Protein backbone atom coordinates (compact mmCIF):
# COMPACT_ATOMS: atom_id res chain seq x y z
CA UNK A 1 1.96 81.49 -4.80
CA UNK A 2 0.33 84.08 -7.07
CA UNK A 3 -3.29 83.06 -6.64
CA UNK A 4 -3.47 82.54 -2.87
CA UNK A 5 -2.77 86.19 -1.86
CA UNK A 6 -5.34 87.46 -4.35
CA UNK A 7 -8.00 85.05 -3.11
CA UNK A 8 -7.26 86.03 0.47
CA UNK A 9 -7.56 89.71 -0.45
CA UNK A 10 -10.90 89.16 -2.24
CA UNK A 11 -12.30 87.11 0.66
CA UNK A 12 -11.49 89.95 3.06
CA UNK A 13 -12.10 93.16 1.10
CA UNK A 14 -14.77 92.70 -1.58
CA UNK A 15 -18.15 94.16 -0.65
CA UNK A 16 -20.26 91.38 -2.17
CA UNK A 17 -20.74 88.73 0.56
CA UNK A 18 -21.38 85.94 -1.96
CA UNK A 19 -18.16 86.78 -3.77
CA UNK A 20 -16.26 86.74 -0.45
CA UNK A 21 -17.67 83.30 0.37
CA UNK A 22 -16.66 81.86 -3.01
CA UNK A 23 -13.15 83.30 -2.66
CA UNK A 24 -12.85 81.93 0.88
CA UNK A 25 -13.88 78.45 -0.27
CA UNK A 26 -11.40 78.56 -3.16
CA UNK A 27 -8.65 79.72 -0.79
CA UNK A 28 -9.42 76.89 1.63
CA UNK A 29 -9.37 74.33 -1.19
CA UNK A 30 -5.98 75.49 -2.46
CA UNK A 31 -4.59 75.43 1.06
CA UNK A 32 -5.83 71.89 1.56
CA UNK A 33 -4.60 70.36 -1.70
CA UNK A 34 -1.39 72.38 -1.78
CA UNK A 35 -0.05 71.45 1.65
CA UNK A 36 -1.26 74.48 3.62
CA UNK A 37 -0.20 76.89 0.91
CA UNK A 38 3.29 75.46 0.44
CA UNK A 39 2.92 75.34 -3.33
CA UNK A 40 6.29 74.97 -5.04
CA UNK A 41 7.29 74.62 -8.65
CA UNK A 42 9.00 71.39 -9.71
CA UNK A 43 12.72 71.48 -9.02
CA UNK A 44 14.69 72.25 -12.17
CA UNK A 45 18.19 71.14 -13.03
CA UNK A 46 20.55 74.11 -13.41
CA UNK A 47 23.35 74.29 -15.94
CA UNK A 48 25.87 74.52 -13.09
CA UNK A 49 24.66 71.27 -11.55
CA UNK A 50 24.61 69.48 -14.91
CA UNK A 51 28.10 70.80 -15.82
CA UNK A 52 29.37 69.63 -12.43
CA UNK A 53 28.00 66.14 -13.03
CA UNK A 54 29.58 66.04 -16.49
CA UNK A 55 32.95 67.17 -15.13
CA UNK A 56 32.86 64.53 -12.41
CA UNK A 57 31.83 61.85 -14.89
CA UNK A 58 34.69 62.76 -17.24
CA UNK A 59 37.22 62.62 -14.43
CA UNK A 60 40.73 63.68 -15.44
CA UNK A 61 39.61 63.92 -19.08
CA UNK A 62 37.52 66.97 -18.15
CA UNK A 63 40.70 69.07 -18.23
CA UNK A 64 40.78 68.71 -22.01
CA UNK A 65 37.38 70.39 -22.40
CA UNK A 66 37.46 74.23 -22.32
CA UNK A 67 35.45 75.59 -19.33
CA UNK A 68 33.05 77.58 -21.52
CA UNK A 69 32.37 74.53 -23.67
CA UNK A 70 31.80 72.37 -20.59
CA UNK A 71 29.42 75.01 -19.24
CA UNK A 72 27.48 74.99 -22.50
CA UNK A 73 27.33 71.19 -22.45
CA UNK A 74 25.89 71.51 -18.94
CA UNK A 75 23.26 73.90 -20.25
CA UNK A 76 22.24 71.42 -22.96
CA UNK A 77 22.12 68.55 -20.45
CA UNK A 78 20.02 70.64 -18.05
CA UNK A 79 17.54 71.45 -20.81
CA UNK A 80 17.20 67.79 -21.73
CA UNK A 81 16.63 66.85 -18.09
CA UNK A 82 14.07 69.62 -17.52
CA UNK A 83 12.20 68.53 -20.66
CA UNK A 84 12.22 64.96 -19.29
CA UNK A 85 14.12 63.64 -22.31
CA UNK A 86 15.61 60.39 -21.07
CA UNK A 87 16.48 58.67 -24.36
CA UNK A 88 20.24 57.84 -24.40
CA UNK A 89 20.46 58.40 -28.16
CA UNK A 90 19.24 61.98 -27.73
CA UNK A 91 21.83 62.68 -25.05
CA UNK A 92 24.60 61.17 -27.15
CA UNK A 93 23.56 63.33 -30.11
CA UNK A 94 23.05 66.57 -28.18
CA UNK A 95 25.74 66.47 -25.46
CA UNK A 96 28.75 64.45 -26.58
CA UNK A 97 29.83 66.76 -29.45
CA UNK A 98 30.75 69.41 -26.87
CA UNK A 99 32.82 66.90 -24.91
CA UNK A 100 34.72 65.57 -27.94
CA UNK A 101 38.03 66.99 -26.68
CA UNK A 102 37.92 64.42 -23.87
CA UNK A 103 37.62 61.58 -26.40
CA UNK A 104 34.53 60.05 -27.94
CA UNK A 105 34.44 57.06 -25.58
CA UNK A 106 34.79 59.19 -22.45
CA UNK A 107 32.23 61.73 -23.76
CA UNK A 108 29.61 59.06 -24.50
CA UNK A 109 30.16 57.36 -21.15
CA UNK A 110 29.88 60.68 -19.30
CA UNK A 111 26.64 61.61 -21.10
CA UNK A 112 25.08 58.24 -20.26
CA UNK A 113 26.22 58.44 -16.65
CA UNK A 114 24.80 61.94 -16.13
CA UNK A 115 21.57 60.92 -17.90
CA UNK A 116 21.14 58.02 -15.47
CA UNK A 117 21.95 60.18 -12.46
CA UNK A 118 19.54 63.01 -13.35
CA UNK A 119 16.77 60.59 -14.33
CA UNK A 120 17.16 58.80 -11.00
CA UNK A 121 17.04 62.12 -9.12
CA UNK A 122 13.93 63.13 -11.06
CA UNK A 123 12.08 59.91 -10.24
CA UNK A 124 13.16 60.11 -6.59
CA UNK A 125 11.81 63.68 -6.34
CA UNK A 126 8.59 62.70 -8.12
CA UNK A 127 7.90 59.86 -5.71
CA UNK A 128 8.98 61.74 -2.58
CA UNK A 129 6.18 61.74 -0.01
CA UNK A 130 3.73 60.06 -2.37
CA UNK A 131 3.61 56.85 -0.37
CA UNK A 132 2.41 58.73 2.71
CA UNK A 133 -0.25 60.73 0.88
CA UNK A 134 -2.25 57.80 -0.51
CA UNK A 135 -1.77 54.41 1.12
CA UNK A 136 -2.90 51.36 -0.79
CA UNK A 137 -2.00 49.25 -3.78
CA UNK A 138 -1.07 51.02 -7.01
CA UNK A 139 -3.33 50.46 -10.00
CA UNK A 140 -1.13 52.56 -12.23
CA UNK A 141 2.08 54.51 -11.67
CA UNK A 142 3.43 55.59 -15.02
CA UNK A 143 5.00 58.48 -16.87
CA UNK A 144 3.82 59.31 -20.38
CA UNK A 145 3.41 61.97 -23.04
CA UNK A 146 0.22 62.81 -24.92
CA UNK A 147 -0.33 64.72 -28.14
CA UNK A 148 -3.31 65.66 -30.29
CA UNK A 149 -2.16 66.04 -33.88
CA UNK A 150 0.85 68.35 -33.76
CA UNK A 151 -0.07 69.79 -30.37
CA UNK A 152 1.68 68.36 -27.31
CA UNK A 153 -0.85 68.22 -24.46
CA UNK A 154 1.21 66.44 -21.81
CA UNK A 155 4.97 65.96 -21.75
CA UNK A 156 6.35 63.23 -19.47
CA UNK A 157 3.37 63.60 -17.12
CA UNK A 158 2.96 61.21 -14.19
CA UNK A 159 -0.27 59.31 -13.67
CA UNK A 160 -0.69 57.51 -10.37
CA UNK A 161 -3.93 55.76 -9.45
CA UNK A 162 -4.75 53.60 -6.43
CA UNK A 163 -7.08 50.61 -6.40
CA UNK A 164 -10.46 51.30 -4.82
CA UNK A 165 -10.23 55.10 -5.22
CA UNK A 166 -12.33 57.51 -7.28
CA UNK A 167 -10.64 60.27 -9.25
CA UNK A 168 -11.79 63.39 -11.05
CA UNK A 169 -10.10 64.92 -14.10
CA UNK A 170 -10.23 68.74 -14.16
CA UNK A 171 -8.92 71.23 -16.67
CA UNK A 172 -9.92 74.02 -19.08
CA UNK A 173 -11.28 73.43 -22.57
CA UNK A 174 -8.59 72.13 -24.89
CA UNK A 175 -6.36 70.87 -22.08
CA UNK A 176 -6.71 67.27 -23.27
CA UNK A 177 -9.14 65.72 -20.77
CA UNK A 178 -11.18 63.81 -23.36
CA UNK A 179 -8.06 62.94 -25.34
CA UNK A 180 -6.47 61.45 -22.23
CA UNK A 181 -9.59 59.45 -21.37
CA UNK A 182 -9.81 58.08 -24.91
CA UNK A 183 -6.10 57.24 -24.88
CA UNK A 184 -6.55 55.29 -21.64
CA UNK A 185 -9.58 53.44 -23.01
CA UNK A 186 -7.74 52.64 -26.26
CA UNK A 187 -4.65 51.35 -24.45
CA UNK A 188 -2.42 54.16 -25.73
CA UNK A 189 -1.02 55.27 -22.35
CA UNK A 190 2.27 53.50 -21.81
CA UNK A 191 2.39 51.80 -18.43
CA UNK A 192 -1.38 51.71 -17.90
CA UNK A 193 -2.74 48.19 -17.18
CA UNK A 194 -3.66 46.34 -20.41
CA UNK A 195 -7.22 45.10 -21.17
CA UNK A 196 -6.23 41.63 -19.95
CA UNK A 197 -5.76 43.07 -16.45
CA UNK A 198 -8.25 45.96 -16.34
CA UNK A 199 -11.37 46.81 -18.31
CA UNK A 200 -11.45 50.50 -19.24
CA UNK A 201 -14.41 52.18 -20.94
CA UNK A 202 -14.78 55.80 -22.01
CA UNK A 203 -18.48 56.63 -21.68
CA UNK A 204 -19.85 59.23 -24.09
CA UNK A 205 -23.14 59.57 -25.94
CA UNK A 206 -21.86 60.74 -29.31
CA UNK A 207 -23.72 58.67 -31.91
CA UNK A 208 -22.20 58.18 -35.36
CA UNK A 209 -24.53 59.63 -37.99
CA UNK A 210 -24.39 56.34 -39.89
CA UNK A 211 -25.94 54.58 -36.88
CA UNK A 212 -28.57 57.21 -36.10
CA UNK A 213 -31.39 54.99 -37.46
CA UNK A 214 -30.23 51.85 -35.61
CA UNK A 215 -32.58 50.62 -32.84
CA UNK A 216 -31.14 50.99 -29.34
CA UNK A 217 -31.04 47.23 -28.75
CA UNK A 218 -29.21 46.56 -32.02
CA UNK A 219 -26.83 49.45 -31.39
CA UNK A 220 -25.60 47.96 -28.11
CA UNK A 221 -25.67 44.34 -29.26
CA UNK A 222 -23.56 45.13 -32.35
CA UNK A 223 -20.65 46.49 -30.28
CA UNK A 224 -17.56 44.38 -31.19
CA UNK A 225 -16.50 44.29 -27.53
CA UNK A 226 -19.79 42.54 -26.66
CA UNK A 227 -19.35 39.69 -29.10
CA UNK A 228 -19.82 37.13 -26.33
CA UNK A 229 -22.98 38.76 -24.95
CA UNK A 230 -26.41 37.53 -26.08
CA UNK A 231 -29.24 39.84 -27.19
CA UNK A 232 -31.26 38.63 -24.21
CA UNK A 233 -28.54 39.84 -21.81
CA UNK A 234 -28.35 43.17 -23.61
CA UNK A 235 -32.15 43.56 -23.49
CA UNK A 236 -32.20 42.70 -19.78
CA UNK A 237 -29.52 45.29 -19.02
CA UNK A 238 -31.35 47.95 -21.04
CA UNK A 239 -34.52 47.17 -19.11
CA UNK A 240 -32.64 47.51 -15.81
CA UNK A 241 -31.60 51.09 -16.65
CA UNK A 242 -35.13 52.11 -17.70
CA UNK A 243 -35.46 51.20 -21.38
CA UNK A 244 -38.94 49.87 -22.10
CA UNK A 245 -39.55 47.48 -25.00
CA UNK A 246 -40.70 50.46 -27.05
CA UNK A 247 -37.56 52.48 -26.27
CA UNK A 248 -35.33 49.52 -27.06
CA UNK A 249 -36.67 49.63 -30.61
CA UNK A 250 -36.33 53.43 -31.00
CA UNK A 251 -33.66 54.79 -33.30
CA UNK A 252 -30.66 55.94 -31.28
CA UNK A 253 -30.57 59.23 -33.19
CA UNK A 254 -34.02 60.16 -31.85
CA UNK A 255 -33.06 59.66 -28.19
CA UNK A 256 -32.43 62.64 -25.92
CA UNK A 257 -29.03 63.28 -24.40
CA UNK A 258 -30.02 61.60 -21.14
CA UNK A 259 -31.20 58.42 -22.85
CA UNK A 260 -28.09 58.33 -25.03
CA UNK A 261 -25.96 58.49 -21.89
CA UNK A 262 -27.97 55.60 -20.37
CA UNK A 263 -27.32 53.69 -23.58
CA UNK A 264 -23.58 54.35 -23.30
CA UNK A 265 -23.60 53.32 -19.62
CA UNK A 266 -25.39 50.09 -20.50
CA UNK A 267 -22.71 49.27 -23.05
CA UNK A 268 -19.99 50.08 -20.52
CA UNK A 269 -21.54 47.86 -17.82
CA UNK A 270 -21.83 44.92 -20.19
């Protein structure tokens, strides 16, 4: 909503023709991926809606809770829902104290009921229209969080992948692209197919300094994941990607970036 008008203005008014062309292409791309410019923020739960759900869940016991307290409980519930916090224990801890006047049993039951209702609405909104956009069998359709140290990179993000499709991962430096790829390869993304169902490899050419003097053939053959692969198979695969006998015996630390990437690809293919 903020970017589209500016791109349109640049594509029409800037004197530099190359700049106008770039802006026009960017505008067209946003229009295409955003549903012809109908870009909308995710729907948020309001405190009024959450308070209404709590009141309905409490039933006649809601009369015992002061209106201002019920409104505040709705605010807390809305914040939990908007932060995608779906753990019942958290809701019991954060919401039920404000509903204590209705009785502990009724308060706990109401918190759980509203949690289930808002979580169901969230998942329904998340999946709305998705089936039409990308037909085919799901490879992965999960919701997860990702952190790097103390920094939260993704909070209850949805990852949906279809079999037979190719995907690109875009984002600025520090957004967590490499961290996400490593997490997928290491089986740390909850809901992603396990190694028994899907082989995942993160290809990079970073060579550990301790292995810099290791010959290329030994470097690949010593990979723990290739325990069942013979040296002859490794050598044949290296040859197929361009490694001569001489290069197979070269220390991996002396290889250029391109050759290191070929080495990583060989290991991934095997």
